[in-house]
Amino acid sequence: MFFVKEGCDTICSQQTTEPQYRDERYHLFSQCLSISLHQVEDGQVWNKIQGAVDYCSGVIKLNVDHLVAYRNADETKYHMDPIDLNQVKDCHIVTLGIGHDVSVETKLKEKYGDRCKFQGADPIPTKNEEIYKPIGEYFQFAVGNQTRVENPNSEAYTLKDFSHVEFVEFLRDKAQVPRRQIIDELLVDIEYAEYAMLDYFYLNGKLDKAGYTVCQWNGEFHIPNDAQKAEFGKFIKQVTKDERYLFFHLIDVGHIRAYFVNVADQRCFDRYVKGRI
């Protein structure tokens, strides 16, 4: 089966090349999901995605043995270890939304040591700053799709103003992640701000245009309103069309959690994926 990757010219010339050999199952899995959801309205994908993933996982067998589960207080995140840890350098692990829990980051720090730079952002310094600083660099920001100052009227946060920093601006100016270096793991739990950031992960999206590539990421999608459901549905359809990310361990617990692996970038493929999935 032959297929043409749409919109790849800019990415391939400016940022990355696709792996010389990609398992045909990656294409078939994405195609299965795309076909399963093609006639589903964007706003209904939220209710249909679990069944589609279960079906496609049953007919297209992918190996998940190397996807390591990491437990924190109330959920499980996933990470695939490097094929050769000794070859890892210029590694970046970024947390957006610390949420008073660094169990996963602590375990990753123990594994990687100084090979990886750890950076975490959360607008609430209480406890978050204290527990994250032994691991890496803490930033008192809410990261999202725009830079602004907000006064949240919610006991879940604080009565003080706090700053929102746009995601690319955060990576470039605050975390100072060099362009063209990969982000090895991104942990996203940002209390509904995720919906406005989903287009960052598209081919030719804002991350691509800024020169950033994410190899693995865990996302939590909070219980959405109708507009957010439509954004989620559009995102899932685009991801399956782009075929950059395969996603695994999708679970609906009211919120939807999912783990994404980049199989389209040569560097990510060589460091984490080759011969494993």
Protein backbone atom coordinates (compact mmCIF):
# COMPACT_ATOMS: atom_id res chain seq x y z
CA MET A 1 0.00 0.00 0.00
CA PHE A 2 1.36 3.39 -0.99
CA PHE A 3 0.47 6.75 0.48
CA VAL A 4 1.57 10.36 0.22
CA LYS A 5 2.33 12.38 3.33
CA GLU A 6 0.58 15.72 2.98
CA GLY A 7 2.31 18.91 4.03
CA CYS A 8 5.68 17.26 4.60
CA ASP A 9 7.82 19.46 2.36
CA THR A 10 8.30 22.23 4.91
CA ILE A 11 8.90 19.85 7.79
CA CYS A 12 11.27 17.56 5.96
CA SER A 13 13.37 20.39 4.57
CA GLN A 14 13.49 22.58 7.66
CA GLN A 15 13.31 20.22 10.60
CA THR A 16 13.52 16.50 10.11
CA THR A 17 13.40 13.52 7.82
CA GLU A 18 11.21 10.49 8.17
CA PRO A 19 12.83 7.20 9.17
CA GLN A 20 14.24 5.31 6.21
CA TYR A 21 12.02 2.39 7.14
CA ARG A 22 8.69 2.63 8.88
CA ASP A 23 6.69 -0.44 9.73
CA GLU A 24 3.61 -0.60 7.52
CA ARG A 25 1.55 -1.34 10.63
CA TYR A 26 2.03 2.26 11.79
CA HIS A 27 0.28 3.47 8.66
CA LEU A 28 -2.42 0.80 8.92
CA PHE A 29 -3.14 1.62 12.56
CA SER A 30 -3.53 5.33 11.83
CA GLN A 31 -5.58 4.55 8.73
CA CYS A 32 -7.84 2.24 10.73
CA LEU A 33 -8.58 4.99 13.23
CA SER A 34 -9.05 7.56 10.49
CA ILE A 35 -11.57 5.39 8.64
CA SER A 36 -13.37 4.45 11.87
CA LEU A 37 -13.88 8.11 12.77
CA HIS A 38 -14.24 9.59 9.29
CA GLN A 39 -18.02 9.93 9.37
CA VAL A 40 -18.21 10.78 13.07
CA GLU A 41 -18.88 14.44 13.80
CA ASP A 42 -15.99 16.16 15.57
CA GLY A 43 -18.06 16.69 18.69
CA GLN A 44 -18.90 12.98 18.90
CA VAL A 45 -15.35 11.65 18.63
CA TRP A 46 -14.99 11.99 22.41
CA ASN A 47 -17.66 9.33 22.87
CA LYS A 48 -16.43 7.07 20.04
CA ILE A 49 -12.66 7.15 20.38
CA GLN A 50 -12.33 4.41 23.00
CA GLY A 51 -14.22 1.92 20.86
CA ALA A 52 -12.24 2.86 17.76
CA VAL A 53 -8.92 2.45 19.55
CA ASP A 54 -9.95 -0.90 21.03
CA TYR A 55 -11.03 -2.16 17.60
CA CYS A 56 -7.94 -0.98 15.73
CA SER A 57 -5.62 -2.29 18.45
CA GLY A 58 -7.28 -5.66 18.00
CA VAL A 59 -6.82 -5.87 14.24
CA ILE A 60 -3.44 -4.11 13.92
CA LYS A 61 -1.07 -5.65 16.43
CA LEU A 62 1.51 -3.23 17.77
CA ASN A 63 4.08 -4.17 20.39
CA VAL A 64 3.59 -2.30 23.67
CA ASP A 65 6.13 -4.24 25.75
CA HIS A 66 8.56 -1.31 25.82
CA LEU A 67 5.99 1.25 26.99
CA VAL A 68 6.84 1.55 30.68
CA ALA A 69 4.11 2.56 33.13
CA TYR A 70 4.91 5.18 35.77
CA ARG A 71 2.42 5.68 38.57
CA ASN A 72 1.80 8.92 40.39
CA ALA A 73 -0.82 9.63 43.03
CA ASP A 74 -3.92 9.23 40.87
CA GLU A 75 -2.95 8.16 37.36
CA THR A 76 -0.46 6.31 35.19
CA LYS A 77 1.83 7.93 32.65
CA TYR A 78 3.96 6.11 30.09
CA HIS A 79 7.48 6.48 28.79
CA MET A 80 9.67 4.48 26.45
CA ASP A 81 13.28 4.25 27.56
CA PRO A 82 16.06 4.99 25.07
CA ILE A 83 17.35 2.08 23.05
CA ASP A 84 20.87 3.00 24.19
CA LEU A 85 20.93 5.22 27.27
CA ASN A 86 24.66 5.77 26.89
CA GLN A 87 24.06 7.55 23.58
CA VAL A 88 21.55 10.02 25.03
CA LYS A 89 22.57 13.65 25.18
CA ASP A 90 20.75 16.94 24.73
CA CYS A 91 17.71 15.35 26.39
CA HIS A 92 14.76 17.44 27.55
CA ILE A 93 11.87 16.35 29.77
CA VAL A 94 9.22 19.04 30.20
CA THR A 95 6.23 19.11 32.54
CA LEU A 96 3.31 21.48 31.97
CA GLY A 97 1.19 21.36 35.12
CA ILE A 98 3.02 19.84 38.08
CA GLY A 99 -0.09 19.42 40.20
CA HIS A 100 1.66 18.73 43.54
CA ASP A 101 2.99 15.39 42.28
CA VAL A 102 6.42 14.63 40.85
CA SER A 103 6.43 10.86 41.26
CA VAL A 104 6.95 10.29 37.54
CA GLU A 105 9.60 12.98 37.15
CA THR A 106 11.48 11.62 40.17
CA LYS A 107 11.66 8.14 38.64
CA LEU A 108 12.76 9.54 35.29
CA LYS A 109 15.43 11.64 37.02
CA GLU A 110 16.74 8.53 38.75
CA LYS A 111 16.95 6.80 35.38
CA TYR A 112 18.48 9.59 33.30
CA GLY A 113 20.50 11.48 35.89
CA ASP A 114 22.24 14.46 34.35
CA ARG A 115 21.70 13.24 30.79
CA CYS A 116 18.37 15.06 30.69
CA LYS A 117 17.39 18.58 31.58
CA PHE A 118 14.14 18.66 33.55
CA GLN A 119 11.91 21.72 33.41
CA GLY A 120 8.46 22.13 34.91
CA ALA A 121 5.87 24.89 34.84
CA ASP A 122 2.93 25.46 37.16
CA PRO A 123 1.38 28.79 38.15
CA ILE A 124 0.97 27.77 41.79
CA PRO A 125 4.29 27.77 43.65
CA THR A 126 2.88 26.35 46.89
CA LYS A 127 4.38 22.85 47.18
CA ASN A 128 5.05 22.65 43.42
CA GLU A 129 8.21 24.75 43.61
CA GLU A 130 9.47 22.86 46.65
CA ILE A 131 9.01 19.39 45.18
CA TYR A 132 10.16 20.17 41.64
CA LYS A 133 13.38 22.09 42.32
CA PRO A 134 15.33 19.00 43.49
CA ILE A 135 14.56 17.50 40.07
CA GLY A 136 15.00 20.45 37.75
CA GLU A 137 14.13 24.02 36.91
CA TYR A 138 10.77 25.34 38.11
CA PHE A 139 8.79 28.08 36.35
CA GLN A 140 5.84 29.86 37.94
CA PHE A 141 3.77 30.04 34.76
CA ALA A 142 0.65 28.56 33.29
CA VAL A 143 1.68 27.49 29.80
CA GLY A 144 -0.92 27.72 27.06
CA ASN A 145 -1.63 29.14 23.63
CA GLN A 146 -1.11 32.80 24.52
CA THR A 147 0.79 35.08 26.89
CA ARG A 148 -1.35 37.04 29.34
CA VAL A 149 -2.04 37.70 33.03
CA GLU A 150 -5.16 36.23 34.60
CA ASN A 151 -6.91 36.65 37.93
CA PRO A 152 -8.55 33.25 38.42
CA ASN A 153 -11.75 33.21 40.46
CA SER A 154 -11.33 29.66 41.64
CA GLU A 155 -10.29 28.01 44.87
CA ALA A 156 -8.52 25.39 42.77
CA TYR A 157 -5.81 27.94 42.10
CA THR A 158 -5.26 31.20 43.97
CA LEU A 159 -6.73 34.66 44.31
CA LYS A 160 -3.49 36.23 43.08
CA ASP A 161 -2.82 37.15 39.49
CA PHE A 162 -0.63 34.70 37.62
CA SER A 163 1.06 34.70 34.26
CA HIS A 164 0.22 32.61 31.22
CA VAL A 165 3.08 32.06 28.79
CA GLU A 166 2.56 30.85 25.24
CA PHE A 167 4.05 27.38 24.69
CA VAL A 168 6.64 28.20 22.03
CA GLU A 169 7.65 31.33 23.94
CA PHE A 170 8.07 29.19 27.05
CA LEU A 171 10.30 26.67 25.28
CA ARG A 172 12.36 29.32 23.49
CA ASP A 173 12.68 32.15 26.01
CA LYS A 174 12.02 30.67 29.44
CA ALA A 175 13.16 27.04 29.30
CA GLN A 176 15.65 27.97 26.55
CA VAL A 177 15.35 24.65 24.75
CA PRO A 178 17.51 25.03 21.62
CA ARG A 179 15.69 24.88 18.31
CA ARG A 180 16.20 21.61 16.44
CA GLN A 181 16.77 19.66 19.65
CA ILE A 182 14.11 17.09 20.46
CA ILE A 183 11.88 17.14 23.51
CA ASP A 184 12.17 13.58 24.75
CA GLU A 185 9.09 13.60 26.99
CA LEU A 186 6.32 16.13 27.49
CA LEU A 187 3.85 15.72 30.37
CA VAL A 188 0.71 17.81 29.89
CA ASP A 189 -1.95 18.34 32.57
CA ILE A 190 -2.99 21.98 32.32
CA GLU A 191 -6.63 22.15 33.41
CA TYR A 192 -8.50 22.70 30.13
CA ALA A 193 -5.82 24.85 28.49
CA GLU A 194 -4.85 21.74 26.51
CA TYR A 195 -7.71 22.21 24.04
CA ALA A 196 -6.40 25.52 22.73
CA MET A 197 -2.95 23.96 22.24
CA LEU A 198 -3.85 20.86 20.24
CA ASP A 199 -3.03 22.39 16.87
CA TYR A 200 0.57 22.87 18.03
CA PHE A 201 1.09 19.14 17.41
CA TYR A 202 -0.12 19.11 13.79
CA LEU A 203 2.20 18.77 10.82
CA ASN A 204 3.28 22.31 9.94
CA GLY A 205 1.84 23.44 13.26
CA LYS A 206 3.34 25.95 15.66
CA LEU A 207 5.90 23.55 17.11
CA ASP A 208 7.14 22.60 13.65
CA LYS A 209 7.37 26.22 12.57
CA ALA A 210 9.35 27.05 15.71
CA GLY A 211 11.71 24.10 15.18
CA TYR A 212 10.60 21.86 18.07
CA THR A 213 9.93 18.13 17.90
CA VAL A 214 8.27 16.12 20.67
CA CYS A 215 9.19 12.42 20.77
CA GLN A 216 6.76 11.28 23.46
CA TRP A 217 4.00 12.98 25.37
CA ASN A 218 1.32 12.17 27.89
CA GLY A 219 -1.82 14.26 27.72
CA GLU A 220 -4.79 14.62 30.02
CA PHE A 221 -7.93 15.92 28.35
CA HIS A 222 -10.34 17.22 30.96
CA ILE A 223 -14.11 16.75 30.75
CA PRO A 224 -14.97 19.10 27.88
CA ASN A 225 -17.80 21.40 26.95
CA ASP A 226 -19.25 21.09 23.44
CA ALA A 227 -16.70 23.41 21.84
CA GLN A 228 -13.83 21.54 23.48
CA LYS A 229 -15.27 18.20 22.36
CA ALA A 230 -15.19 19.50 18.80
CA GLU A 231 -11.56 20.62 19.22
CA PHE A 232 -10.64 17.20 20.57
CA GLY A 233 -12.38 15.45 17.68
CA LYS A 234 -10.64 17.64 15.13
CA PHE A 235 -7.31 16.90 16.82
CA ILE A 236 -7.76 13.13 16.81
CA LYS A 237 -8.75 13.13 13.15
CA GLN A 238 -5.78 15.29 12.20
CA VAL A 239 -3.30 13.21 14.20
CA THR A 240 -4.45 10.03 12.47
CA LYS A 241 -4.22 11.78 9.10
CA ASP A 242 -0.75 13.20 9.80
CA GLU A 243 0.55 9.79 10.97
CA ARG A 244 3.24 11.44 13.06
CA TYR A 245 2.04 10.10 16.40
CA LEU A 246 0.75 6.71 17.36
CA PHE A 247 -1.23 6.84 20.57
CA PHE A 248 -1.55 4.15 23.20
CA HIS A 249 -3.16 3.47 26.56
CA LEU A 250 -6.08 5.76 25.86
CA ILE A 251 -8.40 5.55 28.83
CA ASP A 252 -11.65 7.34 29.57
CA VAL A 253 -12.15 8.02 33.27
CA GLY A 254 -14.33 11.06 32.70
CA HIS A 255 -11.15 12.78 31.62
CA ILE A 256 -9.39 11.10 28.70
CA ARG A 257 -5.72 10.23 29.09
CA ALA A 258 -3.48 9.13 26.26
CA TYR A 259 0.18 8.54 25.49
CA PHE A 260 1.61 9.62 22.12
CA VAL A 261 4.78 8.36 20.40
CA ASN A 262 6.41 10.12 17.46
CA VAL A 263 7.21 7.53 14.79
CA ALA A 264 7.81 10.05 11.97
CA ASP A 265 10.94 11.86 13.14
CA GLN A 266 14.22 10.10 12.44
CA ARG A 267 15.82 11.19 15.72
CA CYS A 268 12.89 10.04 17.82
CA PHE A 269 12.69 6.82 15.84
CA ASP A 270 16.37 6.01 16.31
CA ARG A 271 16.45 6.92 19.99
CA TYR A 272 13.22 5.25 21.11
CA VAL A 273 11.18 3.39 18.50
CA LYS A 274 13.27 1.32 16.08
CA GLY A 275 12.39 -2.37 16.32
CA ARG A 276 10.20 -1.91 19.37
CA ILE A 277 6.59 -0.98 18.56
